Amino acid sequence: MFTGIISGMGRIEAMDATPESDSVVLHISAPNHTEDLELGGSIAVNGVCLTATSIVGDILSLDVMGETLRHTTIGDLAQGEGINLERCVQAGGRLDGHVVQGHVDGVGHLLEHESLGAWDRFRFSIPFELARYVAKKGSIAIDGISLTVTEVSEAHEKEQWFEVGIIPTTLRETTLGQRVPGSAVNLEVDVMAKYAERLASFNNIESSAS
């Protein structure tokens, strides 16, 4: 489990295709993130929970299966590109952001970026099937960053979107400062909303059966 509080930035070193498979091996530099990380340990890369398969100094190798490549932006990363990093939260640690699983639900795109002086307004598209989980003043993870939703589109709108406010520190210390309109980002909606919907669906079935 993660909190969506980015602990530092790393860099893509290489991405090797796996022979006879749709997976790849991702090689990243992760300064200050490998101490006490063991093989099989978890680290979030742009919000995607990945498993360390090799650790040499600050260089990590991570296996990325085809399912992950199809549903996240990992496969589009280029050598030298900056990435957001977060180690999994320790039991008893502070939950400064919100509960983030590192299980990306879908990909959105930056639609608008407006500087408002002390903070910036970002508007992102969101797949229609995910929009129902996003509420004003609720939480969402964008490329692994825990953020508070400031505005949402109306339910009847065909093209769904949401907005977040970003402070200068977040722009400097994460990849959001590098995003331009059209940039793709990983989205993870609030897991509590998904569980609530799932539970309600079974309650409706039980009510109909009684």
Protein backbone atom coordinates (compact mmCIF):
# COMPACT_ATOMS: atom_id res chain seq x y z
CA MET A 1 0.00 0.00 0.00
CA PHE A 2 1.08 3.57 -0.72
CA THR A 3 0.00 7.04 0.35
CA GLY A 4 0.44 9.07 -2.83
CA ILE A 5 3.14 11.21 -1.21
CA ILE A 6 6.00 11.13 -3.72
CA SER A 7 9.28 10.51 -1.93
CA GLY A 8 11.54 11.44 -4.84
CA MET A 9 12.10 11.31 -8.57
CA GLY A 10 14.02 8.74 -10.56
CA ARG A 11 14.93 8.25 -14.20
CA ILE A 12 14.34 5.65 -16.89
CA GLU A 13 17.63 3.96 -17.81
CA ALA A 14 16.35 1.36 -20.27
CA MET A 15 13.42 -0.85 -21.17
CA ASP A 16 14.13 -4.33 -22.50
CA ALA A 17 11.52 -6.44 -24.27
CA THR A 18 11.15 -9.97 -22.94
CA PRO A 19 11.62 -12.59 -25.71
CA GLU A 20 8.45 -14.50 -26.63
CA SER A 21 6.38 -12.44 -24.21
CA ASP A 22 4.40 -9.20 -24.10
CA SER A 23 6.25 -8.10 -20.96
CA VAL A 24 9.31 -5.88 -20.51
CA VAL A 25 12.07 -5.39 -17.96
CA LEU A 26 12.22 -1.79 -16.80
CA HIS A 27 15.56 -0.44 -15.55
CA ILE A 28 15.42 2.73 -13.48
CA SER A 29 17.73 4.82 -11.35
CA ALA A 30 16.12 5.38 -7.97
CA PRO A 31 18.41 7.51 -5.76
CA ASN A 32 17.67 7.17 -2.04
CA HIS A 33 15.06 4.48 -2.67
CA THR A 34 17.07 1.25 -2.65
CA GLU A 35 18.36 1.20 0.93
CA ASP A 36 16.69 -1.72 2.77
CA LEU A 37 14.69 -2.56 -0.39
CA GLU A 38 14.91 -6.31 -0.86
CA LEU A 39 14.35 -8.43 -3.94
CA GLY A 40 10.62 -8.86 -4.29
CA GLY A 41 9.98 -5.54 -2.57
CA SER A 42 7.48 -3.06 -3.96
CA ILE A 43 8.00 0.42 -5.33
CA ALA A 44 5.52 2.68 -7.13
CA VAL A 45 6.69 4.10 -10.47
CA ASN A 46 4.35 6.86 -11.67
CA GLY A 47 1.71 5.28 -9.48
CA VAL A 48 2.21 1.72 -10.72
CA CYS A 49 3.18 -0.84 -8.07
CA LEU A 50 6.13 -2.85 -9.40
CA THR A 51 8.35 -5.55 -7.91
CA ALA A 52 12.12 -5.25 -7.67
CA THR A 53 13.83 -8.19 -9.44
CA SER A 54 17.39 -6.81 -9.38
CA ILE A 55 19.08 -4.17 -7.24
CA VAL A 56 22.55 -2.85 -8.06
CA GLY A 57 23.32 0.34 -6.16
CA ASP A 58 20.67 2.87 -7.14
CA ILE A 59 19.65 0.89 -10.24
CA LEU A 60 16.49 -1.21 -10.03
CA SER A 61 15.17 -3.75 -12.53
CA LEU A 62 11.43 -4.32 -12.53
CA ASP A 63 9.32 -6.80 -14.49
CA VAL A 64 6.30 -5.24 -16.19
CA MET A 65 3.70 -7.64 -17.59
CA GLY A 66 1.59 -7.02 -20.67
CA GLU A 67 -1.55 -6.27 -18.66
CA THR A 68 0.24 -3.38 -16.96
CA LEU A 69 1.62 -2.08 -20.26
CA ARG A 70 -1.86 -2.07 -21.80
CA HIS A 71 -3.56 -0.18 -18.98
CA THR A 72 -0.90 2.33 -17.86
CA THR A 73 1.59 4.75 -19.37
CA ILE A 74 4.62 2.64 -18.39
CA GLY A 75 5.14 1.34 -21.92
CA ASP A 76 5.37 4.90 -23.28
CA LEU A 77 8.24 5.95 -21.02
CA ALA A 78 11.45 6.96 -22.77
CA GLN A 79 15.09 6.61 -21.75
CA GLY A 80 16.12 9.54 -19.58
CA GLU A 81 12.55 10.46 -18.65
CA GLY A 82 11.82 11.46 -15.06
CA ILE A 83 9.48 9.32 -12.95
CA ASN A 84 7.71 9.65 -9.62
CA LEU A 85 8.79 7.19 -6.94
CA GLU A 86 7.26 6.03 -3.67
CA ARG A 87 8.19 3.15 -1.42
CA CYS A 88 5.34 1.21 0.18
CA VAL A 89 4.15 2.62 3.50
CA GLN A 90 5.41 0.98 6.68
CA ALA A 91 2.91 -0.33 9.22
CA GLY A 92 2.37 2.41 11.76
CA GLY A 93 3.60 5.10 9.38
CA ARG A 94 1.78 8.36 8.74
CA LEU A 95 -0.94 8.30 6.08
CA ASP A 96 -0.29 11.84 4.83
CA GLY A 97 -2.08 11.36 1.50
CA HIS A 98 -4.80 8.74 1.04
CA VAL A 99 -4.95 4.97 0.57
CA VAL A 100 -3.29 4.23 -2.80
CA GLN A 101 -2.88 0.64 -3.96
CA GLY A 102 -0.63 1.22 -6.95
CA HIS A 103 -3.26 -0.49 -9.11
CA VAL A 104 -3.90 1.98 -11.92
CA ASP A 105 -7.54 2.10 -13.04
CA GLY A 106 -7.03 3.90 -16.32
CA VAL A 107 -5.26 6.62 -18.28
CA GLY A 108 -6.32 10.25 -18.55
CA HIS A 109 -4.91 13.22 -20.47
CA LEU A 110 -4.07 16.76 -19.47
CA LEU A 111 -6.62 19.07 -21.07
CA GLU A 112 -5.81 22.45 -19.53
CA HIS A 113 -3.09 23.99 -17.36
CA GLU A 114 -3.60 27.47 -15.95
CA SER A 115 -1.17 29.29 -13.66
CA LEU A 116 -2.97 31.23 -10.94
CA GLY A 117 0.05 32.64 -9.15
CA ALA A 118 0.22 30.80 -5.82
CA TRP A 119 -1.11 27.60 -7.40
CA ASP A 120 -1.93 26.04 -10.77
CA ARG A 121 -5.19 24.60 -12.07
CA PHE A 122 -4.98 21.33 -13.99
CA ARG A 123 -7.91 19.76 -15.86
CA PHE A 124 -7.65 16.10 -16.88
CA SER A 125 -9.88 13.86 -18.94
CA ILE A 126 -11.02 10.64 -17.31
CA PRO A 127 -12.53 7.51 -18.90
CA PHE A 128 -16.32 7.64 -18.61
CA GLU A 129 -16.49 4.39 -16.63
CA LEU A 130 -14.21 5.83 -13.92
CA ALA A 131 -15.83 9.26 -13.60
CA ARG A 132 -18.50 8.05 -11.16
CA TYR A 133 -15.81 7.32 -8.58
CA VAL A 134 -14.49 10.90 -8.59
CA ALA A 135 -16.16 13.51 -6.40
CA LYS A 136 -15.45 17.14 -5.61
CA LYS A 137 -13.18 17.34 -2.54
CA GLY A 138 -12.47 13.62 -2.89
CA SER A 139 -9.06 12.05 -3.50
CA ILE A 140 -7.43 10.78 -6.68
CA ALA A 141 -3.90 9.62 -7.55
CA ILE A 142 -2.36 11.10 -10.72
CA ASP A 143 0.90 9.38 -11.70
CA GLY A 144 1.04 8.24 -8.10
CA ILE A 145 0.49 11.70 -6.59
CA SER A 146 -2.30 12.02 -4.01
CA LEU A 147 -4.40 15.04 -4.93
CA THR A 148 -7.70 16.60 -3.94
CA VAL A 149 -10.33 17.04 -6.64
CA THR A 150 -11.52 20.65 -6.91
CA GLU A 151 -14.07 20.39 -9.73
CA VAL A 152 -15.78 17.63 -11.74
CA SER A 153 -17.84 17.47 -14.91
CA GLU A 154 -21.59 16.93 -14.79
CA ALA A 155 -22.76 13.33 -15.00
CA HIS A 156 -24.55 13.94 -18.31
CA GLU A 157 -21.46 15.25 -20.11
CA LYS A 158 -20.16 12.88 -22.77
CA GLU A 159 -16.52 13.81 -22.20
CA GLN A 160 -15.78 13.48 -18.50
CA TRP A 161 -13.12 15.55 -16.72
CA PHE A 162 -11.95 16.66 -13.29
CA GLU A 163 -9.71 19.39 -11.95
CA VAL A 164 -7.06 19.57 -9.24
CA GLY A 165 -5.07 22.43 -7.73
CA ILE A 166 -1.28 22.06 -7.65
CA ILE A 167 1.07 24.01 -5.40
CA PRO A 168 4.55 25.04 -6.64
CA THR A 169 6.32 22.45 -4.47
CA THR A 170 4.41 19.63 -6.16
CA LEU A 171 5.23 21.05 -9.59
CA ARG A 172 8.94 21.13 -8.74
CA GLU A 173 9.24 17.77 -7.01
CA THR A 174 7.07 15.57 -9.25
CA THR A 175 6.60 15.00 -12.96
CA LEU A 176 3.47 17.18 -13.07
CA GLY A 177 5.62 20.21 -13.79
CA GLN A 178 6.72 18.53 -17.03
CA ARG A 179 3.24 17.72 -18.31
CA VAL A 180 1.79 19.64 -21.26
CA PRO A 181 -1.72 19.49 -22.74
CA GLY A 182 -2.17 16.08 -24.32
CA SER A 183 0.19 14.32 -21.89
CA ALA A 184 -1.08 10.95 -20.68
CA VAL A 185 -1.18 10.21 -16.95
CA ASN A 186 -1.99 7.19 -14.80
CA LEU A 187 -5.17 7.49 -12.75
CA GLU A 188 -6.15 5.57 -9.63
CA VAL A 189 -9.53 6.45 -8.16
CA ASP A 190 -10.39 6.15 -4.48
CA VAL A 191 -10.55 2.44 -3.63
CA MET A 192 -13.22 3.13 -0.99
CA ALA A 193 -15.60 4.31 -3.71
CA LYS A 194 -15.07 1.12 -5.70
CA TYR A 195 -15.70 -1.10 -2.69
CA ALA A 196 -18.82 0.89 -1.78
CA GLU A 197 -20.22 0.37 -5.26
CA ARG A 198 -19.42 -3.35 -5.18
CA LEU A 199 -21.05 -3.79 -1.78
CA ALA A 200 -24.15 -1.88 -2.89
CA SER A 201 -24.51 -4.10 -5.97
CA PHE A 202 -24.78 -7.22 -3.76
CA ASN A 203 -27.18 -5.49 -1.39
CA ASN A 204 -29.46 -4.76 -4.36
CA ILE A 205 -29.37 -8.46 -5.37
CA GLU A 206 -30.19 -9.60 -1.84
CA SER A 207 -33.05 -7.11 -1.63
CA SER A 208 -34.52 -8.35 -4.93
CA ALA A 209 -34.26 -11.98 -3.81
CA SER A 210 -36.05 -11.45 -0.49
